[in-house]
C-alpha atoms as a PDB file:
ATOM      1  CA  UNK A   1      36.856  35.744  -2.074  1.00  0.00           C
ATOM      2  CA  UNK A   2      35.360  33.105  -4.185  1.00  0.00           C
ATOM      3  CA  UNK A   3      39.224  32.111  -5.483  1.00  0.00           C
ATOM      4  CA  UNK A   4      40.495  32.527  -2.161  1.00  0.00           C
ATOM      5  CA  UNK A   5      37.744  30.245  -0.861  1.00  0.00           C
ATOM      6  CA  UNK A   6      38.778  27.747  -2.848  1.00  0.00           C
ATOM      7  CA  UNK A   7      42.366  28.327  -2.670  1.00  0.00           C
ATOM      8  CA  UNK A   8      42.413  28.351   0.977  1.00  0.00           C
ATOM      9  CA  UNK A   9      39.519  26.076   2.217  1.00  0.00           C
ATOM     10  CA  UNK A  10      38.139  23.571  -0.987  1.00  0.00           C
ATOM     11  CA  UNK A  11      41.069  22.290  -2.628  1.00  0.00           C
ATOM     12  CA  UNK A  12      42.960  21.580   1.024  1.00  0.00           C
ATOM     13  CA  UNK A  13      39.800  19.656   2.087  1.00  0.00           C
ATOM     14  CA  UNK A  14      39.300  17.765  -1.145  1.00  0.00           C
ATOM     15  CA  UNK A  15      43.067  17.009  -0.921  1.00  0.00           C
ATOM     16  CA  UNK A  16      42.479  15.806   3.006  1.00  0.00           C
ATOM     17  CA  UNK A  17      38.921  13.869   2.581  1.00  0.00           C
ATOM     18  CA  UNK A  18      40.716  11.707  -0.492  1.00  0.00           C
ATOM     19  CA  UNK A  19      44.112  11.264   1.359  1.00  0.00           C
ATOM     20  CA  UNK A  20      42.240  10.190   4.296  1.00  0.00           C
ATOM     21  CA  UNK A  21      39.438   7.499   2.374  1.00  0.00           C
ATOM     22  CA  UNK A  22      42.727   5.825   0.392  1.00  0.00           C
ATOM     23  CA  UNK A  23      44.828   6.078   3.058  1.00  0.00           C
ATOM     24  CA  UNK A  24      46.309   2.174   3.986  1.00  0.00           C
ATOM     25  CA  UNK A  25      45.008   2.025   7.176  1.00  0.00           C
ATOM     26  CA  UNK A  26      41.407   2.857   6.109  1.00  0.00           C
ATOM     27  CA  UNK A  27      41.365   0.842   3.341  1.00  0.00           C
ATOM     28  CA  UNK A  28      43.226  -2.208   5.415  1.00  0.00           C
ATOM     29  CA  UNK A  29      43.126  -1.327   8.740  1.00  0.00           C
ATOM     30  CA  UNK A  30      46.466  -3.336  10.300  1.00  0.00           C
ATOM     31  CA  UNK A  31      47.731  -3.565   7.129  1.00  0.00           C
ATOM     32  CA  UNK A  32      49.320  -0.589   5.997  1.00  0.00           C
ATOM     33  CA  UNK A  33      52.826  -1.983   5.724  1.00  0.00           C
ATOM     34  CA  UNK A  34      51.538  -4.903   3.174  1.00  0.00           C
ATOM     35  CA  UNK A  35      49.096  -2.378   1.250  1.00  0.00           C
ATOM     36  CA  UNK A  36      51.938   0.583   1.275  1.00  0.00           C
ATOM     37  CA  UNK A  37      54.305  -2.107  -0.557  1.00  0.00           C
ATOM     38  CA  UNK A  38      51.606  -3.456  -3.215  1.00  0.00           C
ATOM     39  CA  UNK A  39      49.024  -0.448  -3.796  1.00  0.00           C
ATOM     40  CA  UNK A  40      51.625   1.460  -5.645  1.00  0.00           C
ATOM     41  CA  UNK A  41      52.151  -1.152  -8.787  1.00  0.00           C
ATOM     42  CA  UNK A  42      48.957  -2.262  -9.039  1.00  0.00           C
ATOM     43  CA  UNK A  43      46.009  -0.736  -7.006  1.00  0.00           C
ATOM     44  CA  UNK A  44      43.233  -2.977  -6.297  1.00  0.00           C
ATOM     45  CA  UNK A  45      40.031  -0.963  -7.247  1.00  0.00           C
ATOM     46  CA  UNK A  46      38.078  -3.074  -5.001  1.00  0.00           C
ATOM     47  CA  UNK A  47      39.351  -2.092  -1.944  1.00  0.00           C
ATOM     48  CA  UNK A  48      38.298   1.808  -2.373  1.00  0.00           C
ATOM     49  CA  UNK A  49      34.396   0.954  -1.935  1.00  0.00           C
ATOM     50  CA  UNK A  50      34.563   3.975   0.426  1.00  0.00           C
ATOM     51  CA  UNK A  51      35.613   6.349  -2.559  1.00  0.00           C
ATOM     52  CA  UNK A  52      32.934   5.345  -4.432  1.00  0.00           C
ATOM     53  CA  UNK A  53      30.279   5.643  -2.466  1.00  0.00           C
ATOM     54  CA  UNK A  54      31.721   9.456  -1.214  1.00  0.00           C
ATOM     55  CA  UNK A  55      32.097  10.295  -4.834  1.00  0.00           C
ATOM     56  CA  UNK A  56      28.485   8.987  -5.295  1.00  0.00           C
ATOM     57  CA  UNK A  57      27.165  10.860  -2.165  1.00  0.00           C
ATOM     58  CA  UNK A  58      29.034  14.350  -3.571  1.00  0.00           C
ATOM     59  CA  UNK A  59      28.303  14.225  -6.991  1.00  0.00           C
ATOM     60  CA  UNK A  60      23.954  13.786  -6.037  1.00  0.00           C
ATOM     61  CA  UNK A  61      24.185  16.014  -2.774  1.00  0.00           C
ATOM     62  CA  UNK A  62      25.783  19.108  -4.632  1.00  0.00           C
ATOM     63  CA  UNK A  63      23.930  18.454  -7.853  1.00  0.00           C
ATOM     64  CA  UNK A  64      20.532  18.646  -5.859  1.00  0.00           C
ATOM     65  CA  UNK A  65      21.715  21.659  -4.410  1.00  0.00           C
ATOM     66  CA  UNK A  66      22.727  23.611  -7.715  1.00  0.00           C
ATOM     67  CA  UNK A  67      20.916  26.717  -8.279  1.00  0.00           C
ATOM     68  CA  UNK A  68      21.151  26.818 -11.595  1.00  0.00           C
ATOM     69  CA  UNK A  69      19.660  23.288 -11.944  1.00  0.00           C
ATOM     70  CA  UNK A  70      16.647  24.072  -9.546  1.00  0.00           C
ATOM     71  CA  UNK A  71      16.014  27.190 -12.129  1.00  0.00           C
ATOM     72  CA  UNK A  72      15.930  25.056 -14.941  1.00  0.00           C
ATOM     73  CA  UNK A  73      13.772  22.652 -13.517  1.00  0.00           C
ATOM     74  CA  UNK A  74      11.177  25.135 -12.664  1.00  0.00           C
ATOM     75  CA  UNK A  75      11.215  26.732 -15.942  1.00  0.00           C
ATOM     76  CA  UNK A  76      10.799  23.367 -17.516  1.00  0.00           C
ATOM     77  CA  UNK A  77       7.948  22.500 -15.446  1.00  0.00           C
ATOM     78  CA  UNK A  78       5.999  25.843 -16.073  1.00  0.00           C
ATOM     79  CA  UNK A  79       6.583  25.697 -19.822  1.00  0.00           C
ATOM     80  CA  UNK A  80       5.885  22.019 -20.192  1.00  0.00           C
ATOM     81  CA  UNK A  81       2.520  22.900 -18.297  1.00  0.00           C
ATOM     82  CA  UNK A  82       3.236  20.525 -15.712  1.00  0.00           C
ATOM     83  CA  UNK A  83       4.184  17.241 -17.762  1.00  0.00           C
ATOM     84  CA  UNK A  84       8.309  17.816 -16.942  1.00  0.00           C
ATOM     85  CA  UNK A  85       8.181  17.415 -13.380  1.00  0.00           C
ATOM     86  CA  UNK A  86      10.805  19.750 -11.399  1.00  0.00           C
ATOM     87  CA  UNK A  87      11.812  17.046  -8.573  1.00  0.00           C
ATOM     88  CA  UNK A  88      11.803  14.138 -11.146  1.00  0.00           C
ATOM     89  CA  UNK A  89      14.218  15.810 -13.488  1.00  0.00           C
ATOM     90  CA  UNK A  90      16.562  17.206 -10.402  1.00  0.00           C
ATOM     91  CA  UNK A  91      16.939  13.723  -9.307  1.00  0.00           C
ATOM     92  CA  UNK A  92      17.553  12.034 -12.622  1.00  0.00           C
ATOM     93  CA  UNK A  93      20.100  14.696 -13.360  1.00  0.00           C
ATOM     94  CA  UNK A  94      21.251  14.236  -9.429  1.00  0.00           C
ATOM     95  CA  UNK A  95      21.886  10.567 -10.227  1.00  0.00           C
ATOM     96  CA  UNK A  96      23.524  10.650 -13.313  1.00  0.00           C
ATOM     97  CA  UNK A  97      26.231  13.486 -11.966  1.00  0.00           C
ATOM     98  CA  UNK A  98      26.558  10.973  -8.967  1.00  0.00           C
ATOM     99  CA  UNK A  99      26.971   7.405 -10.914  1.00  0.00           C
ATOM    100  CA  UNK A 100      29.510   9.947 -13.718  1.00  0.00           C
ATOM    101  CA  UNK A 101      31.461  10.819 -10.697  1.00  0.00           C
ATOM    102  CA  UNK A 102      31.535   7.488  -8.797  1.00  0.00           C
ATOM    103  CA  UNK A 103      32.606   6.024 -12.112  1.00  0.00           C
ATOM    104  CA  UNK A 104      35.138   8.682 -12.789  1.00  0.00           C
ATOM    105  CA  UNK A 105      36.889   7.785  -9.277  1.00  0.00           C
ATOM    106  CA  UNK A 106      36.969   4.349 -10.613  1.00  0.00           C
ATOM    107  CA  UNK A 107      38.627   5.356 -13.757  1.00  0.00           C
ATOM    108  CA  UNK A 108      41.128   7.393 -11.670  1.00  0.00           C
ATOM    109  CA  UNK A 109      42.141   4.339  -8.832  1.00  0.00           C
ATOM    110  CA  UNK A 110      42.274   1.503 -12.351  1.00  0.00           C
ATOM    111  CA  UNK A 111      43.847   4.352 -14.775  1.00  0.00           C
ATOM    112  CA  UNK A 112      42.547   3.904 -17.110  1.00  0.00           C
ATOM    113  CA  UNK A 113      42.605   6.305 -20.223  1.00  0.00           C
ATOM    114  CA  UNK A 114      40.296   9.460 -19.943  1.00  0.00           C
ATOM    115  CA  UNK A 115      39.282   9.219 -23.948  1.00  0.00           C
ATOM    116  CA  UNK A 116      38.003   5.936 -24.223  1.00  0.00           C
ATOM    117  CA  UNK A 117      34.862   6.148 -21.684  1.00  0.00           C
ATOM    118  CA  UNK A 118      33.994   9.629 -23.185  1.00  0.00           C
ATOM    119  CA  UNK A 119      33.834   7.949 -26.273  1.00  0.00           C
ATOM    120  CA  UNK A 120      31.837   5.296 -25.464  1.00  0.00           C
ATOM    121  CA  UNK A 121      29.856   7.977 -23.673  1.00  0.00           C
ATOM    122  CA  UNK A 122      29.300   9.878 -26.489  1.00  0.00           C
ATOM    123  CA  UNK A 123      28.031   6.956 -28.881  1.00  0.00           C
ATOM    124  CA  UNK A 124      25.220   5.583 -26.161  1.00  0.00           C
ATOM    125  CA  UNK A 125      24.187   9.427 -26.191  1.00  0.00           C
ATOM    126  CA  UNK A 126      23.722   9.423 -29.575  1.00  0.00           C
ATOM    127  CA  UNK A 127      21.936   5.887 -29.784  1.00  0.00           C
ATOM    128  CA  UNK A 128      19.654   7.574 -26.964  1.00  0.00           C
ATOM    129  CA  UNK A 129      19.202  10.806 -28.965  1.00  0.00           C
ATOM    130  CA  UNK A 130      17.337   8.203 -31.506  1.00  0.00           C
ATOM    131  CA  UNK A 131      15.228   6.816 -29.133  1.00  0.00           C
ATOM    132  CA  UNK A 132      13.787   9.411 -26.900  1.00  0.00           C
ATOM    133  CA  UNK A 133      11.363  11.959 -26.824  1.00  0.00           C
ATOM    134  CA  UNK A 134      11.999  15.331 -28.758  1.00  0.00           C
ATOM    135  CA  UNK A 135      10.582  17.209 -26.738  1.00  0.00           C
ATOM    136  CA  UNK A 136      13.290  16.124 -23.665  1.00  0.00           C
ATOM    137  CA  UNK A 137      16.044  15.693 -26.050  1.00  0.00           C
ATOM    138  CA  UNK A 138      17.063  19.606 -25.471  1.00  0.00           C
ATOM    139  CA  UNK A 139      16.578  19.667 -21.653  1.00  0.00           C
ATOM    140  CA  UNK A 140      19.061  16.561 -21.443  1.00  0.00           C
ATOM    141  CA  UNK A 141      21.714  18.370 -23.442  1.00  0.00           C
ATOM    142  CA  UNK A 142      21.083  21.384 -21.258  1.00  0.00           C
ATOM    143  CA  UNK A 143      21.015  19.666 -17.850  1.00  0.00           C
ATOM    144  CA  UNK A 144      24.678  18.578 -18.365  1.00  0.00           C
ATOM    145  CA  UNK A 145      25.500  21.784 -19.062  1.00  0.00           C
ATOM    146  CA  UNK A 146      23.909  23.503 -15.547  1.00  0.00           C
ATOM    147  CA  UNK A 147      25.425  20.690 -13.461  1.00  0.00           C
ATOM    148  CA  UNK A 148      28.289  22.011 -13.313  1.00  0.00           C
ATOM    149  CA  UNK A 149      28.220  25.334 -11.723  1.00  0.00           C
ATOM    150  CA  UNK A 150      29.081  27.153  -8.653  1.00  0.00           C
ATOM    151  CA  UNK A 151      28.183  24.430  -6.325  1.00  0.00           C
ATOM    152  CA  UNK A 152      29.140  21.292  -8.075  1.00  0.00           C
ATOM    153  CA  UNK A 153      32.790  21.678  -9.806  1.00  0.00           C
ATOM    154  CA  UNK A 154      35.156  22.935  -7.347  1.00  0.00           C
ATOM    155  CA  UNK A 155      33.688  20.434  -5.131  1.00  0.00           C
ATOM    156  CA  UNK A 156      34.292  17.495  -7.903  1.00  0.00           C
ATOM    157  CA  UNK A 157      37.563  19.247  -8.816  1.00  0.00           C
ATOM    158  CA  UNK A 158      38.755  19.466  -5.308  1.00  0.00           C
ATOM    159  CA  UNK A 159      37.723  15.310  -4.609  1.00  0.00           C
ATOM    160  CA  UNK A 160      39.380  14.607  -8.368  1.00  0.00           C
ATOM    161  CA  UNK A 161      42.496  16.381  -7.612  1.00  0.00           C
ATOM    162  CA  UNK A 162      43.040  14.778  -4.200  1.00  0.00           C
ATOM    163  CA  UNK A 163      42.155  11.408  -5.310  1.00  0.00           C
ATOM    164  CA  UNK A 164      44.816  11.456  -7.977  1.00  0.00           C
ATOM    165  CA  UNK A 165      47.289  12.922  -5.777  1.00  0.00           C
ATOM    166  CA  UNK A 166      46.614  10.158  -2.754  1.00  0.00           C
ATOM    167  CA  UNK A 167      45.716   6.889  -5.124  1.00  0.00           C
ATOM    168  CA  UNK A 168      49.719   5.756  -5.695  1.00  0.00           C
ATOM    169  CA  UNK A 169      51.354   5.468  -9.200  1.00  0.00           C
ATOM    170  CA  UNK A 170      48.328   8.381 -10.273  1.00  0.00           C
ATOM    171  CA  UNK A 171      49.615  11.887 -11.933  1.00  0.00           C
ATOM    172  CA  UNK A 172      47.358  14.911 -10.427  1.00  0.00           C
ATOM    173  CA  UNK A 173      47.675  16.727 -14.304  1.00  0.00           C
ATOM    174  CA  UNK A 174      46.845  13.245 -16.257  1.00  0.00           C
ATOM    175  CA  UNK A 175      44.581  11.650 -13.914  1.00  0.00           C
ATOM    176  CA  UNK A 176      43.468  14.159 -11.490  1.00  0.00           C
ATOM    177  CA  UNK A 177      40.986  16.137 -14.379  1.00  0.00           C
ATOM    178  CA  UNK A 178      37.947  14.646 -16.036  1.00  0.00           C
ATOM    179  CA  UNK A 179      35.793  14.478 -13.032  1.00  0.00           C
ATOM    180  CA  UNK A 180      33.645  17.099 -14.109  1.00  0.00           C
ATOM    181  CA  UNK A 181      33.488  15.800 -17.968  1.00  0.00           C
ATOM    182  CA  UNK A 182      32.053  12.838 -16.414  1.00  0.00           C
ATOM    183  CA  UNK A 183      29.412  15.021 -14.514  1.00  0.00           C
ATOM    184  CA  UNK A 184      28.408  16.592 -18.104  1.00  0.00           C
ATOM    185  CA  UNK A 185      27.974  13.648 -19.621  1.00  0.00           C
ATOM    186  CA  UNK A 186      26.206  11.203 -17.373  1.00  0.00           C
ATOM    187  CA  UNK A 187      22.781  13.431 -16.915  1.00  0.00           C
ATOM    188  CA  UNK A 188      22.252  13.723 -20.500  1.00  0.00           C
ATOM    189  CA  UNK A 189      22.112   9.805 -20.374  1.00  0.00           C
ATOM    190  CA  UNK A 190      19.820   9.681 -16.940  1.00  0.00           C
ATOM    191  CA  UNK A 191      17.409  12.525 -18.068  1.00  0.00           C
ATOM    192  CA  UNK A 192      16.820  10.868 -21.858  1.00  0.00           C
ATOM    193  CA  UNK A 193      16.400   7.397 -20.186  1.00  0.00           C
ATOM    194  CA  UNK A 194      14.157   8.821 -17.009  1.00  0.00           C
ATOM    195  CA  UNK A 195      11.935  10.488 -20.635  1.00  0.00           C
ATOM    196  CA  UNK A 196      12.735   6.655 -21.633  1.00  0.00           C
ATOM    197  CA  UNK A 197      10.984   4.712 -18.890  1.00  0.00           C
ATOM    198  CA  UNK A 198       8.312   7.407 -18.254  1.00  0.00           C
ATOM    199  CA  UNK A 199       7.330   7.019 -21.852  1.00  0.00           C
ATOM    200  CA  UNK A 200       7.439   3.020 -21.258  1.00  0.00           C
ATOM    201  CA  UNK A 201       5.157   2.852 -18.804  1.00  0.00           C
ATOM    202  CA  UNK A 202       2.864   5.488 -20.180  1.00  0.00           C
ATOM    203  CA  UNK A 203       2.976   2.846 -23.099  1.00  0.00           C
ATOM    204  CA  UNK A 204       1.740   0.029 -20.798  1.00  0.00           C
ATOM    205  CA  UNK A 205      -1.209   1.657 -18.977  1.00  0.00           C
END
């Protein structure tokens, strides 16, 4: 039933939403013919503002609703004796996923190679690991995995494939996949960044 729901409802919904958000009449009302002539060759990334806003919103909302993240956040709060706030952790992870999916949507629009973003991202993660509080590092690494679960993955995959099919000049096979990699990578950055910020504020007080 889950697979049937994906095939019959979620993936068509993602394709439909992406098609509407990237339609020339929506991007530049009244200039559909002009956009149709120019966008297939060099898409203007600034014209897809609603796509980025929607990607951010869907990334944040699905992550906050992710049952596996809720379970991990509650357990982390219990084990740490309240030192790790469950809501703070969930919001940090959700912001990481939202930013990651937004950047992934931008990558699909402009057609940049995926591996460049992933390489730079992991370099940042390694650098953060050297400076972040030691107790938060394993939790930050696990946060990248718990976000890509039942709620998030189908919606993000549907958005990526739908966007790649709708943006002129993009291939669903080459450009449509990769959003989940962003959704796994950026929570590690945001959780360690959240811990580093909390540590810095504690030192100032």
